[in-house]
Amino acid sequence: MHGADRIGGLSTANGLVFGGIAGRAAAATGRKERALPRTAAFTPWAWDGIFAARAAMQSTMGQNAMVLRSEAGLAQAVQTLSALRGAPQRPARLALEAAASAQLSAQLLTAECIVKAAKLRKESRGAHYRIDHPEQSAACAGRIEITAAEGEISARFVYDEA
């Protein structure tokens, strides 16, 4: 969007603006189709209690992954998010519930990645603040790489060679 001249923090506004545009366009397209097609290249699925799951995710992230973070809070968040991601699924009956379930699935995956990276970084650096580790640590100076294999998310430090 801004090339190498991006001002720190400005990406949030970009995400909100262009994410909103993309979301409205997707919603307009989705409103044209009320029922799922009889055949599909995939099996659409849904979660029962999707709104309760979304509320639990938002509450967990608000309590444990905002400005003040701690090992105990992040560990609780990992446990909650992992349990939510592992909730039973069923075949979707409506396109809207399949779309909402897919959206929540992506949100839960993103939230768990954020929390696992924050849990790994046992220091305070930039906007990341750990109340149990208020100082910077040289051991945490690397970038964090997040990977997923067979549904399991892991985070590790990667140190660039100088």
Protein backbone atom coordinates (compact mmCIF):
# COMPACT_ATOMS: atom_id res chain seq x y z
CA MET A 1 0.00 0.00 0.00
CA HIS A 2 2.72 2.49 0.98
CA GLY A 3 5.80 0.60 -0.19
CA ALA A 4 8.94 0.96 1.88
CA ASP A 5 7.63 4.28 3.20
CA ARG A 6 4.91 2.73 5.37
CA ILE A 7 4.40 4.56 8.63
CA GLY A 8 4.24 2.27 11.67
CA GLY A 9 0.70 1.51 12.79
CA LEU A 10 -0.85 2.59 9.51
CA SER A 11 -1.43 -1.00 8.42
CA THR A 12 -4.29 -1.23 10.91
CA ALA A 13 -6.22 1.44 9.04
CA ASN A 14 -5.44 -0.25 5.72
CA GLY A 15 -6.72 -3.57 7.04
CA LEU A 16 -9.90 -1.97 8.36
CA VAL A 17 -10.64 -0.04 5.17
CA PHE A 18 -9.79 -2.70 2.61
CA GLY A 19 -10.98 -5.56 4.80
CA GLY A 20 -14.32 -3.78 5.11
CA ILE A 21 -14.53 -3.31 1.34
CA ALA A 22 -13.71 -6.98 0.73
CA GLY A 23 -16.14 -8.09 3.43
CA ARG A 24 -19.01 -6.02 2.03
CA ALA A 25 -18.34 -7.36 -1.48
CA ALA A 26 -18.27 -10.96 -0.20
CA ALA A 27 -21.48 -10.38 1.80
CA ALA A 28 -23.24 -8.91 -1.24
CA THR A 29 -22.26 -11.96 -3.27
CA GLY A 30 -23.33 -14.31 -0.48
CA ARG A 31 -26.75 -12.67 -0.14
CA LYS A 32 -27.54 -13.75 -3.69
CA GLU A 33 -27.33 -17.42 -2.65
CA ARG A 34 -29.49 -18.43 0.31
CA ALA A 35 -29.07 -22.19 0.10
CA LEU A 36 -26.03 -24.32 -0.43
CA PRO A 37 -25.63 -25.82 -3.90
CA ARG A 38 -26.58 -29.48 -4.22
CA THR A 39 -23.01 -30.35 -5.25
CA ALA A 40 -19.78 -28.75 -4.15
CA ALA A 41 -16.04 -29.29 -4.48
CA PHE A 42 -15.90 -29.49 -0.69
CA THR A 43 -18.16 -30.50 2.16
CA PRO A 44 -19.42 -27.35 3.89
CA TRP A 45 -19.42 -27.65 7.65
CA ALA A 46 -20.60 -25.63 10.62
CA TRP A 47 -20.26 -25.47 14.37
CA ASP A 48 -23.21 -25.53 16.70
CA GLY A 49 -22.99 -22.61 19.09
CA ILE A 50 -20.90 -20.50 16.71
CA PHE A 51 -21.89 -17.22 18.36
CA ALA A 52 -20.98 -18.51 21.83
CA ALA A 53 -17.64 -19.72 20.44
CA ARG A 54 -16.95 -16.32 18.88
CA ALA A 55 -17.80 -14.59 22.17
CA ALA A 56 -15.49 -16.97 24.07
CA MET A 57 -12.65 -16.25 21.63
CA GLN A 58 -13.14 -12.49 21.93
CA SER A 59 -13.29 -12.66 25.72
CA THR A 60 -10.18 -14.85 25.90
CA MET A 61 -8.19 -12.54 23.62
CA GLY A 62 -9.41 -9.44 25.49
CA GLN A 63 -8.46 -10.83 28.88
CA ASN A 64 -5.16 -12.53 28.00
CA ALA A 65 -3.64 -11.13 24.80
CA MET A 66 -4.11 -7.38 24.92
CA VAL A 67 -1.69 -4.84 26.40
CA LEU A 68 -0.75 -6.68 29.61
CA ARG A 69 0.24 -10.30 29.02
CA SER A 70 1.51 -13.02 31.34
CA GLU A 71 2.52 -16.66 31.11
CA ALA A 72 -0.56 -17.79 33.03
CA GLY A 73 -2.96 -15.73 30.90
CA LEU A 74 -1.36 -16.77 27.62
CA ALA A 75 -1.38 -20.44 28.68
CA GLN A 76 -5.10 -20.15 29.51
CA ALA A 77 -5.71 -18.50 26.13
CA VAL A 78 -3.88 -21.30 24.26
CA GLN A 79 -5.97 -23.90 26.08
CA THR A 80 -9.27 -22.11 25.39
CA LEU A 81 -8.50 -21.36 21.73
CA SER A 82 -7.30 -24.91 21.09
CA ALA A 83 -10.49 -26.32 22.64
CA LEU A 84 -12.63 -24.00 20.53
CA ARG A 85 -10.78 -25.01 17.34
CA GLY A 86 -11.35 -28.66 18.22
CA ALA A 87 -15.11 -28.34 18.77
CA PRO A 88 -17.25 -30.89 16.90
CA GLN A 89 -18.42 -29.96 13.41
CA ARG A 90 -21.50 -30.98 11.46
CA PRO A 91 -22.64 -30.59 7.86
CA ALA A 92 -23.85 -27.03 7.19
CA ARG A 93 -27.48 -26.48 6.29
CA LEU A 94 -27.16 -22.88 5.08
CA ALA A 95 -24.49 -20.98 3.18
CA LEU A 96 -24.46 -18.31 5.90
CA GLU A 97 -23.60 -20.76 8.69
CA ALA A 98 -20.89 -22.39 6.54
CA ALA A 99 -19.38 -18.95 5.84
CA ALA A 100 -19.61 -17.89 9.49
CA SER A 101 -17.97 -21.15 10.59
CA ALA A 102 -15.15 -20.74 8.06
CA GLN A 103 -14.63 -17.15 9.23
CA LEU A 104 -14.51 -18.17 12.88
CA SER A 105 -12.12 -21.00 12.02
CA ALA A 106 -9.71 -18.50 10.44
CA GLN A 107 -10.11 -16.12 13.39
CA LEU A 108 -9.37 -18.89 15.89
CA LEU A 109 -6.31 -19.98 13.91
CA THR A 110 -5.01 -16.40 13.81
CA ALA A 111 -5.72 -15.87 17.51
CA GLU A 112 -3.89 -19.06 18.46
CA CYS A 113 -0.89 -18.04 16.33
CA ILE A 114 -0.78 -14.63 18.06
CA VAL A 115 -1.03 -16.16 21.52
CA LYS A 116 1.60 -18.84 20.90
CA ALA A 117 4.03 -16.22 19.56
CA ALA A 118 3.36 -13.98 22.58
CA LYS A 119 3.83 -16.93 24.93
CA LEU A 120 7.17 -17.78 23.31
CA ARG A 121 8.47 -14.19 23.65
CA LYS A 122 9.39 -14.10 27.33
CA GLU A 123 10.33 -10.42 27.31
CA SER A 124 8.87 -7.00 26.67
CA ARG A 125 9.75 -5.47 23.31
CA GLY A 126 7.99 -2.74 21.37
CA ALA A 127 4.23 -3.04 21.75
CA HIS A 128 4.56 -6.52 23.28
CA TYR A 129 4.57 -6.23 27.07
CA ARG A 130 4.81 -9.18 29.46
CA ILE A 131 4.10 -8.29 33.07
CA ASP A 132 6.15 -11.34 34.13
CA HIS A 133 9.08 -10.36 31.85
CA PRO A 134 9.24 -6.53 31.77
CA GLU A 135 12.76 -6.29 30.27
CA GLN A 136 14.11 -7.08 26.82
CA SER A 137 16.03 -10.31 26.39
CA ALA A 138 18.82 -10.88 23.87
CA ALA A 139 17.65 -14.49 23.58
CA CYS A 140 14.35 -13.21 22.17
CA ALA A 141 15.86 -10.92 19.53
CA GLY A 142 14.97 -13.24 16.64
CA ARG A 143 11.83 -13.15 14.57
CA ILE A 144 9.13 -15.67 15.35
CA GLU A 145 8.10 -18.27 12.80
CA ILE A 146 4.67 -19.86 13.14
CA THR A 147 3.97 -23.22 11.51
CA ALA A 148 1.02 -25.57 11.46
CA ALA A 149 1.21 -29.30 10.86
CA GLU A 150 -1.74 -31.66 11.18
CA GLY A 151 -3.73 -28.95 12.97
CA GLU A 152 -1.05 -28.27 15.59
CA ILE A 153 0.35 -24.73 15.69
CA SER A 154 3.91 -24.14 16.85
CA ALA A 155 6.09 -21.07 17.27
CA ARG A 156 9.88 -20.82 17.28
CA PHE A 157 12.55 -18.16 17.07
CA VAL A 158 14.49 -17.74 13.86
CA TYR A 159 17.76 -15.86 14.10
CA ASP A 160 18.98 -14.20 10.92
CA GLU A 161 22.68 -14.53 10.28
CA ALA A 162 24.47 -11.18 10.39
